[in-house]
Every structure is written in C-alpha cells, then in structure tokens.
Amino acid sequence: MIVVNTDYIPGREIKKVLGIVKGNTIQAKHLGKDIVAGFRHVVGGEIKEYTEMLSEAREIALRRMIEKAEEMGADAVINVRFTTSAVMGGAAEILVYGTAVKLK
C-alpha cells in the first residue's frame, strides 16, 4: 500500500478514485504516567509520556486507515492528513484521513 501526503504518486497514474478513508483512535496514559507528566509540566522540558502516547496513537490510526483502504481494494492513499484534538485531560484523539485510489 502506497501512502503519501501529495495529490499524486510520481510515475504512477490514478485509474480510479475510490473515496475518502479514515482511521482514528483516542488514547490516554495511565494515572502513574499522567502524574509524572504533570511534574514535567511544572519543571519544563519534553513531556515524553505524551510524546509516546501520541506516537502510538498515530500508528494505530494510520494502520486503521490503511485497513479501510485495503477493504475498498485501493492500491494507494493520497492526500493523507493527520489531525488531533483533546478529548479530556490526558486523552487525545488522532484522526488520519486521505483518498483511496486504484492505480494503473
């Protein structure tokens, strides 16, 4: 599966647009890591617990989007974008979306 954030794939021609595909997840860290993150927030610096959480969430959302594209028979997903939103303290939603296409 080819996944790109451009509206074309160099050297390939799009035969058919299958539609929008998306994947999402809402992730939260457990209370112990949330407390550690709170201390880091006070003293400054990278909050590694949340960096890890969002990285994991991006991978899950991306995998779910690819699975949807494969179910549609896509060869690629173009125009891929990520977005995030806070759902509650310590929890965030990651949404990834793009256009599933068949290639010649």
N, C-alpha and C. Protein backbone atom coordinates (compact mmCIF):
# COMPACT_ATOMS: atom_id res chain seq x y z
N MET A 1 0.85 -1.17 0.00
CA MET A 1 0.00 0.00 0.00
C MET A 1 0.90 1.24 0.00
N ILE A 2 0.68 2.11 -0.96
CA ILE A 2 1.42 3.37 -1.03
C ILE A 2 0.60 4.42 -0.29
N VAL A 3 1.23 5.13 0.62
CA VAL A 3 0.56 6.17 1.39
C VAL A 3 1.39 7.44 1.28
N VAL A 4 0.78 8.50 0.72
CA VAL A 4 1.50 9.76 0.51
C VAL A 4 0.63 10.95 0.92
N ASN A 5 1.30 12.05 1.21
CA ASN A 5 0.54 13.27 1.54
C ASN A 5 0.45 14.23 0.36
N THR A 6 0.76 13.76 -0.82
CA THR A 6 0.64 14.55 -2.04
C THR A 6 -0.62 14.10 -2.79
N ASP A 7 -1.02 14.86 -3.80
CA ASP A 7 -2.22 14.50 -4.55
C ASP A 7 -1.91 13.63 -5.77
N TYR A 8 -0.70 13.15 -5.87
CA TYR A 8 -0.30 12.25 -6.95
C TYR A 8 0.86 11.39 -6.46
N ILE A 9 1.16 10.36 -7.22
CA ILE A 9 2.30 9.50 -6.93
C ILE A 9 3.22 9.57 -8.14
N PRO A 10 4.43 10.10 -7.98
CA PRO A 10 5.34 10.25 -9.12
C PRO A 10 5.50 8.95 -9.89
N GLY A 11 5.31 9.04 -11.20
CA GLY A 11 5.49 7.90 -12.07
C GLY A 11 4.31 6.94 -12.13
N ARG A 12 3.25 7.25 -11.42
CA ARG A 12 2.06 6.39 -11.41
C ARG A 12 0.85 7.21 -11.82
N GLU A 13 -0.10 6.55 -12.46
CA GLU A 13 -1.33 7.23 -12.88
C GLU A 13 -2.50 6.68 -12.09
N ILE A 14 -3.35 7.58 -11.62
CA ILE A 14 -4.54 7.18 -10.88
C ILE A 14 -5.61 6.75 -11.87
N LYS A 15 -6.09 5.53 -11.71
CA LYS A 15 -7.12 4.98 -12.59
C LYS A 15 -8.51 5.31 -12.06
N LYS A 16 -8.67 5.25 -10.74
CA LYS A 16 -10.00 5.45 -10.16
C LYS A 16 -9.88 5.95 -8.73
N VAL A 17 -10.72 6.93 -8.39
CA VAL A 17 -10.82 7.42 -7.01
C VAL A 17 -11.90 6.59 -6.32
N LEU A 18 -11.55 5.95 -5.21
CA LEU A 18 -12.49 5.09 -4.50
C LEU A 18 -13.24 5.82 -3.39
N GLY A 19 -12.65 6.89 -2.88
CA GLY A 19 -13.32 7.66 -1.84
C GLY A 19 -12.42 7.95 -0.65
N ILE A 20 -12.98 8.65 0.29
CA ILE A 20 -12.25 9.04 1.50
C ILE A 20 -12.16 7.85 2.45
N VAL A 21 -10.99 7.70 3.03
CA VAL A 21 -10.79 6.68 4.07
C VAL A 21 -10.24 7.39 5.30
N LYS A 22 -10.56 6.84 6.46
CA LYS A 22 -10.07 7.44 7.69
C LYS A 22 -9.81 6.37 8.73
N GLY A 23 -9.02 6.74 9.69
CA GLY A 23 -8.75 5.89 10.84
C GLY A 23 -8.58 6.81 12.03
N ASN A 24 -9.03 6.37 13.20
CA ASN A 24 -8.86 7.21 14.37
C ASN A 24 -8.72 6.36 15.63
N THR A 25 -8.27 6.99 16.67
CA THR A 25 -8.18 6.37 17.98
C THR A 25 -8.16 7.47 19.03
N ILE A 26 -8.59 7.13 20.21
CA ILE A 26 -8.48 8.03 21.36
C ILE A 26 -7.59 7.30 22.36
N GLN A 27 -6.54 7.95 22.76
CA GLN A 27 -5.56 7.34 23.66
C GLN A 27 -5.41 8.16 24.93
N ALA A 28 -5.11 7.46 26.01
CA ALA A 28 -4.83 8.11 27.30
C ALA A 28 -3.74 7.29 28.00
N LYS A 29 -2.94 7.94 28.78
CA LYS A 29 -1.93 7.26 29.58
C LYS A 29 -2.53 6.93 30.94
N HIS A 30 -1.95 5.92 31.59
CA HIS A 30 -2.47 5.57 32.91
C HIS A 30 -2.07 6.61 33.95
N LEU A 31 -2.73 6.59 35.06
CA LEU A 31 -2.60 7.62 36.09
C LEU A 31 -1.16 7.87 36.52
N GLY A 32 -0.35 6.81 36.67
CA GLY A 32 1.04 6.99 37.10
C GLY A 32 1.83 7.85 36.13
N LYS A 33 1.70 7.57 34.84
CA LYS A 33 2.42 8.36 33.84
C LYS A 33 1.83 9.76 33.73
N ASP A 34 0.54 9.89 33.99
CA ASP A 34 -0.09 11.21 33.96
C ASP A 34 0.47 12.09 35.09
N ILE A 35 0.72 11.51 36.23
CA ILE A 35 1.28 12.25 37.36
C ILE A 35 2.71 12.69 37.03
N VAL A 36 3.51 11.76 36.47
CA VAL A 36 4.88 12.09 36.08
C VAL A 36 4.86 13.23 35.04
N ALA A 37 3.95 13.15 34.09
CA ALA A 37 3.83 14.19 33.06
C ALA A 37 3.48 15.53 33.70
N GLY A 38 2.64 15.51 34.72
CA GLY A 38 2.28 16.74 35.43
C GLY A 38 3.50 17.38 36.08
N PHE A 39 4.37 16.58 36.67
CA PHE A 39 5.61 17.11 37.26
C PHE A 39 6.51 17.71 36.18
N ARG A 40 6.62 17.04 35.05
CA ARG A 40 7.45 17.57 33.96
C ARG A 40 6.90 18.91 33.46
N HIS A 41 5.57 19.02 33.47
CA HIS A 41 4.94 20.26 33.02
C HIS A 41 5.35 21.42 33.92
N VAL A 42 5.48 21.15 35.19
CA VAL A 42 5.87 22.19 36.16
C VAL A 42 7.32 22.62 35.96
N VAL A 43 8.22 21.66 35.76
CA VAL A 43 9.65 21.98 35.67
C VAL A 43 10.11 22.28 34.25
N GLY A 44 9.29 21.98 33.26
CA GLY A 44 9.64 22.26 31.87
C GLY A 44 10.30 21.09 31.18
N GLY A 45 10.42 21.19 29.88
CA GLY A 45 11.04 20.14 29.08
C GLY A 45 10.01 19.29 28.38
N GLU A 46 10.51 18.36 27.60
CA GLU A 46 9.63 17.48 26.84
C GLU A 46 8.84 16.57 27.78
N ILE A 47 7.56 16.43 27.51
CA ILE A 47 6.71 15.52 28.27
C ILE A 47 6.67 14.21 27.50
N LYS A 48 7.67 13.36 27.77
CA LYS A 48 7.88 12.14 26.99
C LYS A 48 6.69 11.19 27.04
N GLU A 49 5.98 11.18 28.15
CA GLU A 49 4.83 10.28 28.27
C GLU A 49 3.77 10.61 27.22
N TYR A 50 3.56 11.89 26.97
CA TYR A 50 2.56 12.28 25.97
C TYR A 50 3.12 12.16 24.55
N THR A 51 4.41 12.36 24.38
CA THR A 51 5.03 12.15 23.07
C THR A 51 4.84 10.69 22.65
N GLU A 52 5.11 9.77 23.58
CA GLU A 52 4.92 8.34 23.31
C GLU A 52 3.46 8.02 23.02
N MET A 53 2.56 8.60 23.80
CA MET A 53 1.14 8.34 23.63
C MET A 53 0.67 8.77 22.24
N LEU A 54 1.06 9.95 21.82
CA LEU A 54 0.63 10.45 20.52
C LEU A 54 1.28 9.69 19.37
N SER A 55 2.52 9.27 19.55
CA SER A 55 3.20 8.48 18.52
C SER A 55 2.49 7.13 18.33
N GLU A 56 2.15 6.49 19.44
CA GLU A 56 1.41 5.22 19.38
C GLU A 56 0.05 5.43 18.71
N ALA A 57 -0.62 6.50 19.07
CA ALA A 57 -1.95 6.79 18.53
C ALA A 57 -1.88 7.03 17.03
N ARG A 58 -0.86 7.75 16.56
CA ARG A 58 -0.71 7.98 15.12
C ARG A 58 -0.55 6.68 14.36
N GLU A 59 0.25 5.77 14.89
CA GLU A 59 0.48 4.48 14.23
C GLU A 59 -0.81 3.66 14.17
N ILE A 60 -1.57 3.65 15.26
CA ILE A 60 -2.84 2.91 15.29
C ILE A 60 -3.82 3.49 14.27
N ALA A 61 -3.97 4.81 14.27
CA ALA A 61 -4.90 5.47 13.35
C ALA A 61 -4.49 5.23 11.90
N LEU A 62 -3.19 5.32 11.61
CA LEU A 62 -2.69 5.09 10.26
C LEU A 62 -2.97 3.65 9.82
N ARG A 63 -2.73 2.70 10.69
CA ARG A 63 -2.98 1.29 10.38
C ARG A 63 -4.47 1.07 10.09
N ARG A 64 -5.34 1.70 10.88
CA ARG A 64 -6.79 1.55 10.66
C ARG A 64 -7.22 2.15 9.32
N MET A 65 -6.63 3.30 8.95
CA MET A 65 -6.96 3.91 7.67
C MET A 65 -6.53 3.00 6.52
N ILE A 66 -5.33 2.44 6.61
CA ILE A 66 -4.82 1.54 5.58
C ILE A 66 -5.71 0.31 5.46
N GLU A 67 -6.16 -0.24 6.59
CA GLU A 67 -7.05 -1.40 6.56
C GLU A 67 -8.34 -1.07 5.81
N LYS A 68 -8.90 0.11 6.05
CA LYS A 68 -10.13 0.53 5.34
C LYS A 68 -9.86 0.63 3.84
N ALA A 69 -8.72 1.22 3.48
CA ALA A 69 -8.37 1.35 2.06
C ALA A 69 -8.22 -0.02 1.41
N GLU A 70 -7.59 -0.96 2.10
CA GLU A 70 -7.43 -2.30 1.57
C GLU A 70 -8.78 -2.98 1.38
N GLU A 71 -9.71 -2.77 2.32
CA GLU A 71 -11.05 -3.33 2.20
C GLU A 71 -11.76 -2.81 0.95
N MET A 72 -11.44 -1.58 0.55
CA MET A 72 -12.05 -0.97 -0.64
C MET A 72 -11.35 -1.40 -1.92
N GLY A 73 -10.23 -2.11 -1.79
CA GLY A 73 -9.47 -2.55 -2.95
C GLY A 73 -8.49 -1.51 -3.47
N ALA A 74 -8.11 -0.57 -2.63
CA ALA A 74 -7.20 0.51 -3.03
C ALA A 74 -5.77 0.00 -3.19
N ASP A 75 -5.05 0.66 -4.09
CA ASP A 75 -3.61 0.43 -4.24
C ASP A 75 -2.81 1.47 -3.46
N ALA A 76 -3.45 2.62 -3.20
CA ALA A 76 -2.75 3.72 -2.54
C ALA A 76 -3.75 4.63 -1.84
N VAL A 77 -3.21 5.44 -0.93
CA VAL A 77 -3.98 6.51 -0.30
C VAL A 77 -3.19 7.79 -0.51
N ILE A 78 -3.83 8.77 -1.12
CA ILE A 78 -3.17 10.05 -1.40
C ILE A 78 -3.77 11.15 -0.52
N ASN A 79 -3.10 12.30 -0.48
CA ASN A 79 -3.56 13.45 0.31
C ASN A 79 -3.77 13.11 1.78
N VAL A 80 -2.89 12.34 2.36
CA VAL A 80 -3.04 11.90 3.75
C VAL A 80 -2.76 13.07 4.70
N ARG A 81 -3.63 13.22 5.67
CA ARG A 81 -3.52 14.28 6.67
C ARG A 81 -3.80 13.71 8.05
N PHE A 82 -3.13 14.28 9.05
CA PHE A 82 -3.37 13.93 10.45
C PHE A 82 -3.96 15.13 11.17
N THR A 83 -4.82 14.87 12.11
CA THR A 83 -5.34 15.92 12.97
C THR A 83 -5.50 15.35 14.37
N THR A 84 -5.47 16.20 15.34
CA THR A 84 -5.62 15.76 16.73
C THR A 84 -6.52 16.73 17.48
N SER A 85 -7.16 16.21 18.51
CA SER A 85 -7.97 17.06 19.37
C SER A 85 -7.95 16.49 20.78
N ALA A 86 -8.00 17.37 21.76
CA ALA A 86 -8.06 16.94 23.15
C ALA A 86 -9.49 16.53 23.47
N VAL A 87 -9.63 15.36 24.04
CA VAL A 87 -10.95 14.86 24.41
C VAL A 87 -11.23 15.18 25.87
N MET A 88 -10.20 15.03 26.69
CA MET A 88 -10.24 15.35 28.11
C MET A 88 -8.80 15.44 28.58
N GLY A 89 -8.59 15.86 29.79
CA GLY A 89 -7.22 15.95 30.30
C GLY A 89 -6.51 14.62 30.20
N GLY A 90 -5.38 14.58 29.51
CA GLY A 90 -4.59 13.36 29.40
C GLY A 90 -5.05 12.41 28.31
N ALA A 91 -6.07 12.79 27.52
CA ALA A 91 -6.54 11.93 26.43
C ALA A 91 -6.69 12.76 25.17
N ALA A 92 -6.30 12.16 24.05
CA ALA A 92 -6.38 12.87 22.78
C ALA A 92 -6.86 11.93 21.69
N GLU A 93 -7.58 12.51 20.73
CA GLU A 93 -7.98 11.75 19.55
C GLU A 93 -7.02 12.09 18.42
N ILE A 94 -6.60 11.07 17.71
CA ILE A 94 -5.83 11.24 16.49
C ILE A 94 -6.71 10.73 15.35
N LEU A 95 -6.84 11.55 14.31
CA LEU A 95 -7.60 11.19 13.13
C LEU A 95 -6.66 11.32 11.93
N VAL A 96 -6.63 10.30 11.09
CA VAL A 96 -5.87 10.35 9.85
C VAL A 96 -6.86 10.07 8.72
N TYR A 97 -6.73 10.82 7.63
CA TYR A 97 -7.66 10.63 6.52
C TYR A 97 -6.96 10.92 5.20
N GLY A 98 -7.50 10.34 4.14
CA GLY A 98 -6.95 10.54 2.82
C GLY A 98 -7.91 10.00 1.78
N THR A 99 -7.46 9.97 0.54
CA THR A 99 -8.28 9.50 -0.58
C THR A 99 -7.73 8.17 -1.08
N ALA A 100 -8.57 7.14 -1.03
CA ALA A 100 -8.19 5.82 -1.53
C ALA A 100 -8.31 5.81 -3.05
N VAL A 101 -7.29 5.28 -3.73
CA VAL A 101 -7.28 5.25 -5.18
C VAL A 101 -6.79 3.91 -5.72
N LYS A 102 -7.21 3.60 -6.96
CA LYS A 102 -6.67 2.48 -7.73
C LYS A 102 -5.68 3.07 -8.71
N LEU A 103 -4.57 2.40 -8.91
CA LEU A 103 -3.54 2.87 -9.83
C LEU A 103 -3.55 2.03 -11.10
N LYS A 104 -3.08 2.65 -12.20
CA LYS A 104 -2.93 1.91 -13.46
C LYS A 104 -1.70 1.04 -13.38
